[in-house]
Amino acid sequence: MAETISGALRQLVFERAAGRCEYCLLSQAVTAYKHEPDHIIPKQHDGPLIFDLKELLFSP
């Protein structure tokens, strides 16, 4: 069964990133799309589902 990112973990990642994409630093407040937490080490490469290995990304 595929793991999903919990609401609590999503909120922690969002707060750590101050609501900005961790690549381009664009604030979610000025976009039409919601930023999404992503795996720094992809799940297909056995990336664990933990706070330290998540990043917030803008995804149009």
PDB file of N, CA and C in Angstrom:
ATOM      1  N   MET A   1       0.833  -1.182   0.000  1.00  0.00           N
ATOM      2  CA  MET A   1       0.000   0.000   0.000  1.00  0.00           C
ATOM      3  C   MET A   1       0.882   1.252   0.000  1.00  0.00           C
ATOM      4  N   ALA A   2       0.567   2.202  -0.830  1.00  0.00           N
ATOM      5  CA  ALA A   2       1.357   3.429  -0.948  1.00  0.00           C
ATOM      6  C   ALA A   2       1.149   4.329   0.274  1.00  0.00           C
ATOM      7  N   GLU A   3       2.228   4.886   0.766  1.00  0.00           N
ATOM      8  CA  GLU A   3       2.147   5.821   1.877  1.00  0.00           C
ATOM      9  C   GLU A   3       1.768   7.193   1.342  1.00  0.00           C
ATOM     10  N   THR A   4       1.007   7.927   2.120  1.00  0.00           N
ATOM     11  CA  THR A   4       0.685   9.294   1.757  1.00  0.00           C
ATOM     12  C   THR A   4       1.199  10.224   2.836  1.00  0.00           C
ATOM     13  N   ILE A   5       1.383  11.462   2.482  1.00  0.00           N
ATOM     14  CA  ILE A   5       1.872  12.450   3.432  1.00  0.00           C
ATOM     15  C   ILE A   5       0.688  12.919   4.269  1.00  0.00           C
ATOM     16  N   SER A   6       0.776  12.777   5.567  1.00  0.00           N
ATOM     17  CA  SER A   6      -0.326  13.143   6.457  1.00  0.00           C
ATOM     18  C   SER A   6      -0.543  14.651   6.465  1.00  0.00           C
ATOM     19  N   GLY A   7      -1.716  15.057   6.892  1.00  0.00           N
ATOM     20  CA  GLY A   7      -2.027  16.480   7.004  1.00  0.00           C
ATOM     21  C   GLY A   7      -1.078  17.193   7.951  1.00  0.00           C
ATOM     22  N   ALA A   8      -0.727  16.526   9.052  1.00  0.00           N
ATOM     23  CA  ALA A   8       0.178  17.133  10.027  1.00  0.00           C
ATOM     24  C   ALA A   8       1.569  17.337   9.429  1.00  0.00           C
ATOM     25  N   LEU A   9       2.061  16.351   8.678  1.00  0.00           N
ATOM     26  CA  LEU A   9       3.384  16.471   8.049  1.00  0.00           C
ATOM     27  C   LEU A   9       3.356  17.541   6.964  1.00  0.00           C
ATOM     28  N   ARG A  10       2.261  17.601   6.186  1.00  0.00           N
ATOM     29  CA  ARG A  10       2.113  18.660   5.182  1.00  0.00           C
ATOM     30  C   ARG A  10       2.218  20.040   5.830  1.00  0.00           C
ATOM     31  N   GLN A  11       1.541  20.219   6.965  1.00  0.00           N
ATOM     32  CA  GLN A  11       1.551  21.507   7.662  1.00  0.00           C
ATOM     33  C   GLN A  11       2.951  21.847   8.163  1.00  0.00           C
ATOM     34  N   LEU A  12       3.663  20.881   8.710  1.00  0.00           N
ATOM     35  CA  LEU A  12       5.027  21.118   9.194  1.00  0.00           C
ATOM     36  C   LEU A  12       5.953  21.548   8.055  1.00  0.00           C
ATOM     37  N   VAL A  13       5.839  20.873   6.907  1.00  0.00           N
ATOM     38  CA  VAL A  13       6.673  21.214   5.750  1.00  0.00           C
ATOM     39  C   VAL A  13       6.328  22.623   5.261  1.00  0.00           C
ATOM     40  N   PHE A  14       5.025  22.942   5.206  1.00  0.00           N
ATOM     41  CA  PHE A  14       4.578  24.266   4.776  1.00  0.00           C
ATOM     42  C   PHE A  14       5.116  25.355   5.705  1.00  0.00           C
ATOM     43  N   GLU A  15       5.036  25.124   7.006  1.00  0.00           N
ATOM     44  CA  GLU A  15       5.525  26.111   7.977  1.00  0.00           C
ATOM     45  C   GLU A  15       7.035  26.296   7.882  1.00  0.00           C
ATOM     46  N   ARG A  16       7.770  25.196   7.739  1.00  0.00           N
ATOM     47  CA  ARG A  16       9.224  25.291   7.628  1.00  0.00           C
ATOM     48  C   ARG A  16       9.628  26.110   6.405  1.00  0.00           C
ATOM     49  N   ALA A  17       8.886  25.949   5.306  1.00  0.00           N
ATOM     50  CA  ALA A  17       9.189  26.656   4.058  1.00  0.00           C
ATOM     51  C   ALA A  17       8.582  28.057   4.035  1.00  0.00           C
ATOM     52  N   ALA A  18       7.878  28.427   5.086  1.00  0.00           N
ATOM     53  CA  ALA A  18       7.212  29.731   5.175  1.00  0.00           C
ATOM     54  C   ALA A  18       6.264  29.951   3.990  1.00  0.00           C
ATOM     55  N   GLY A  19       5.649  28.858   3.517  1.00  0.00           N
ATOM     56  CA  GLY A  19       4.685  28.953   2.435  1.00  0.00           C
ATOM     57  C   GLY A  19       5.274  29.262   1.077  1.00  0.00           C
ATOM     58  N   ARG A  20       6.585  29.063   0.923  1.00  0.00           N
ATOM     59  CA  ARG A  20       7.263  29.362  -0.347  1.00  0.00           C
ATOM     60  C   ARG A  20       7.825  28.090  -0.965  1.00  0.00           C
ATOM     61  N   CYS A  21       7.834  28.069  -2.304  1.00  0.00           N
ATOM     62  CA  CYS A  21       8.477  26.978  -3.021  1.00  0.00           C
ATOM     63  C   CYS A  21       9.951  26.958  -2.617  1.00  0.00           C
ATOM     64  N   GLU A  22      10.472  25.794  -2.304  1.00  0.00           N
ATOM     65  CA  GLU A  22      11.860  25.714  -1.857  1.00  0.00           C
ATOM     66  C   GLU A  22      12.861  25.717  -3.014  1.00  0.00           C
ATOM     67  N   TYR A  23      12.383  25.815  -4.268  1.00  0.00           N
ATOM     68  CA  TYR A  23      13.269  26.010  -5.414  1.00  0.00           C
ATOM     69  C   TYR A  23      13.272  27.466  -5.872  1.00  0.00           C
ATOM     70  N   CYS A  24      12.083  27.983  -6.194  1.00  0.00           N
ATOM     71  CA  CYS A  24      12.012  29.336  -6.770  1.00  0.00           C
ATOM     72  C   CYS A  24      11.614  30.416  -5.763  1.00  0.00           C
ATOM     73  N   LEU A  25      11.245  30.011  -4.544  1.00  0.00           N
ATOM     74  CA  LEU A  25      10.862  30.906  -3.445  1.00  0.00           C
ATOM     75  C   LEU A  25       9.570  31.678  -3.695  1.00  0.00           C
ATOM     76  N   LEU A  26       8.764  31.251  -4.661  1.00  0.00           N
ATOM     77  CA  LEU A  26       7.480  31.882  -4.937  1.00  0.00           C
ATOM     78  C   LEU A  26       6.497  31.541  -3.817  1.00  0.00           C
ATOM     79  N   SER A  27       5.848  32.556  -3.275  1.00  0.00           N
ATOM     80  CA  SER A  27       4.891  32.354  -2.189  1.00  0.00           C
ATOM     81  C   SER A  27       3.603  31.740  -2.718  1.00  0.00           C
ATOM     82  N   GLN A  28       3.044  30.826  -1.957  1.00  0.00           N
ATOM     83  CA  GLN A  28       1.764  30.233  -2.344  1.00  0.00           C
ATOM     84  C   GLN A  28       0.669  31.299  -2.368  1.00  0.00           C
ATOM     85  N   ALA A  29       0.817  32.365  -1.590  1.00  0.00           N
ATOM     86  CA  ALA A  29      -0.193  33.421  -1.513  1.00  0.00           C
ATOM     87  C   ALA A  29      -0.400  34.153  -2.836  1.00  0.00           C
ATOM     88  N   VAL A  30       0.560  34.102  -3.735  1.00  0.00           N
ATOM     89  CA  VAL A  30       0.442  34.834  -5.003  1.00  0.00           C
ATOM     90  C   VAL A  30       0.232  33.903  -6.199  1.00  0.00           C
ATOM     91  N   THR A  31      -0.082  32.652  -5.945  1.00  0.00           N
ATOM     92  CA  THR A  31      -0.298  31.705  -7.041  1.00  0.00           C
ATOM     93  C   THR A  31      -1.736  31.215  -7.041  1.00  0.00           C
ATOM     94  N   ALA A  32      -2.162  30.712  -8.168  1.00  0.00           N
ATOM     95  CA  ALA A  32      -3.497  30.138  -8.280  1.00  0.00           C
ATOM     96  C   ALA A  32      -3.503  28.670  -7.844  1.00  0.00           C
ATOM     97  N   TYR A  33      -2.320  28.093  -7.657  1.00  0.00           N
ATOM     98  CA  TYR A  33      -2.201  26.684  -7.328  1.00  0.00           C
ATOM     99  C   TYR A  33      -1.604  26.499  -5.947  1.00  0.00           C
ATOM    100  N   LYS A  34      -2.013  25.439  -5.310  1.00  0.00           N
ATOM    101  CA  LYS A  34      -1.509  25.094  -3.991  1.00  0.00           C
ATOM    102  C   LYS A  34      -0.132  24.431  -4.123  1.00  0.00           C
ATOM    103  N   HIS A  35       0.824  24.839  -3.303  1.00  0.00           N
ATOM    104  CA  HIS A  35       2.133  24.178  -3.287  1.00  0.00           C
ATOM    105  C   HIS A  35       1.964  22.785  -2.674  1.00  0.00           C
ATOM    106  N   GLU A  36       2.794  21.866  -3.088  1.00  0.00           N
ATOM    107  CA  GLU A  36       2.705  20.485  -2.616  1.00  0.00           C
ATOM    108  C   GLU A  36       4.011  20.036  -1.981  1.00  0.00           C
ATOM    109  N   PRO A  37       3.931  19.311  -0.873  1.00  0.00           N
ATOM    110  CA  PRO A  37       5.155  18.719  -0.324  1.00  0.00           C
ATOM    111  C   PRO A  37       5.614  17.596  -1.251  1.00  0.00           C
ATOM    112  N   ASP A  38       6.917  17.435  -1.379  1.00  0.00           N
ATOM    113  CA  ASP A  38       7.462  16.417  -2.268  1.00  0.00           C
ATOM    114  C   ASP A  38       8.589  15.691  -1.553  1.00  0.00           C
ATOM    115  N   HIS A  39       8.912  14.521  -2.057  1.00  0.00           N
ATOM    116  CA  HIS A  39      10.001  13.711  -1.495  1.00  0.00           C
ATOM    117  C   HIS A  39      11.330  14.190  -2.060  1.00  0.00           C
ATOM    118  N   ILE A  40      12.303  14.470  -1.208  1.00  0.00           N
ATOM    119  CA  ILE A  40      13.643  14.816  -1.673  1.00  0.00           C
ATOM    120  C   ILE A  40      14.303  13.570  -2.265  1.00  0.00           C
ATOM    121  N   ILE A  41      14.147  12.440  -1.592  1.00  0.00           N
ATOM    122  CA  ILE A  41      14.575  11.148  -2.139  1.00  0.00           C
ATOM    123  C   ILE A  41      13.283  10.453  -2.587  1.00  0.00           C
ATOM    124  N   PRO A  42      13.111  10.224  -3.896  1.00  0.00           N
ATOM    125  CA  PRO A  42      11.856   9.664  -4.390  1.00  0.00           C
ATOM    126  C   PRO A  42      11.464   8.360  -3.703  1.00  0.00           C
ATOM    127  N   LYS A  43      10.154   8.145  -3.562  1.00  0.00           N
ATOM    128  CA  LYS A  43       9.657   6.915  -2.948  1.00  0.00           C
ATOM    129  C   LYS A  43      10.142   5.684  -3.693  1.00  0.00           C
ATOM    130  N   GLN A  44      10.249   5.783  -5.040  1.00  0.00           N
ATOM    131  CA  GLN A  44      10.679   4.606  -5.802  1.00  0.00           C
ATOM    132  C   GLN A  44      12.130   4.236  -5.523  1.00  0.00           C
ATOM    133  N   HIS A  45      12.865   5.151  -4.882  1.00  0.00           N
ATOM    134  CA  HIS A  45      14.244   4.858  -4.478  1.00  0.00           C
ATOM    135  C   HIS A  45      14.327   4.688  -2.970  1.00  0.00           C
ATOM    136  N   ASP A  46      13.216   4.250  -2.391  1.00  0.00           N
ATOM    137  CA  ASP A  46      13.096   3.954  -0.962  1.00  0.00           C
ATOM    138  C   ASP A  46      13.280   5.179  -0.074  1.00  0.00           C
ATOM    139  N   GLY A  47      12.893   6.349  -0.563  1.00  0.00           N
ATOM    140  CA  GLY A  47      12.938   7.558   0.258  1.00  0.00           C
ATOM    141  C   GLY A  47      11.931   7.452   1.393  1.00  0.00           C
ATOM    142  N   PRO A  48      12.371   7.667   2.620  1.00  0.00           N
ATOM    143  CA  PRO A  48      11.463   7.537   3.763  1.00  0.00           C
ATOM    144  C   PRO A  48      10.477   8.705   3.835  1.00  0.00           C
ATOM    145  N   LEU A  49       9.364   8.475   4.499  1.00  0.00           N
ATOM    146  CA  LEU A  49       8.316   9.470   4.650  1.00  0.00           C
ATOM    147  C   LEU A  49       8.536  10.204   5.979  1.00  0.00           C
ATOM    148  N   ILE A  50       9.584  11.053   6.029  1.00  0.00           N
ATOM    149  CA  ILE A  50       9.895  11.798   7.241  1.00  0.00           C
ATOM    150  C   ILE A  50      10.066  13.278   6.935  1.00  0.00           C
ATOM    151  N   PHE A  51       9.895  14.102   7.950  1.00  0.00           N
ATOM    152  CA  PHE A  51       9.921  15.556   7.822  1.00  0.00           C
ATOM    153  C   PHE A  51      11.194  16.085   7.185  1.00  0.00           C
ATOM    154  N   ASP A  52      12.346  15.599   7.595  1.00  0.00           N
ATOM    155  CA  ASP A  52      13.619  16.119   7.099  1.00  0.00           C
ATOM    156  C   ASP A  52      13.835  15.879   5.607  1.00  0.00           C
ATOM    157  N   LEU A  53      13.114  14.946   5.037  1.00  0.00           N
ATOM    158  CA  LEU A  53      13.308  14.627   3.625  1.00  0.00           C
ATOM    159  C   LEU A  53      12.103  15.026   2.782  1.00  0.00           C
ATOM    160  N   LYS A  54      11.456  16.101   3.169  1.00  0.00           N
ATOM    161  CA  LYS A  54      10.346  16.658   2.397  1.00  0.00           C
ATOM    162  C   LYS A  54      10.674  18.098   2.047  1.00  0.00           C
ATOM    163  N   GLU A  55      10.129  18.569   0.919  1.00  0.00           N
ATOM    164  CA  GLU A  55      10.298  19.950   0.519  1.00  0.00           C
ATOM    165  C   GLU A  55       8.988  20.439  -0.073  1.00  0.00           C
ATOM    166  N   LEU A  56       8.749  21.734   0.001  1.00  0.00           N
ATOM    167  CA  LEU A  56       7.533  22.321  -0.536  1.00  0.00           C
ATOM    168  C   LEU A  56       7.820  22.841  -1.935  1.00  0.00           C
ATOM    169  N   LEU A  57       6.995  22.430  -2.905  1.00  0.00           N
ATOM    170  CA  LEU A  57       7.240  22.803  -4.295  1.00  0.00           C
ATOM    171  C   LEU A  57       5.998  23.410  -4.934  1.00  0.00           C
ATOM    172  N   PHE A  58       6.220  24.400  -5.793  1.00  0.00           N
ATOM    173  CA  PHE A  58       5.170  24.985  -6.608  1.00  0.00           C
ATOM    174  C   PHE A  58       4.883  24.033  -7.751  1.00  0.00           C
ATOM    175  N   SER A  59       3.628  23.683  -7.918  1.00  0.00           N
ATOM    176  CA  SER A  59       3.296  22.740  -8.997  1.00  0.00           C
ATOM    177  C   SER A  59       2.067  23.229  -9.747  1.00  0.00           C
ATOM    178  N   PRO A  60       2.277  23.950 -10.856  1.00  0.00           N
ATOM    179  CA  PRO A  60       1.130  24.478 -11.610  1.00  0.00           C
ATOM    180  C   PRO A  60       0.344  23.392 -12.312  1.00  0.00           C
TER     181      PRO A  60
END
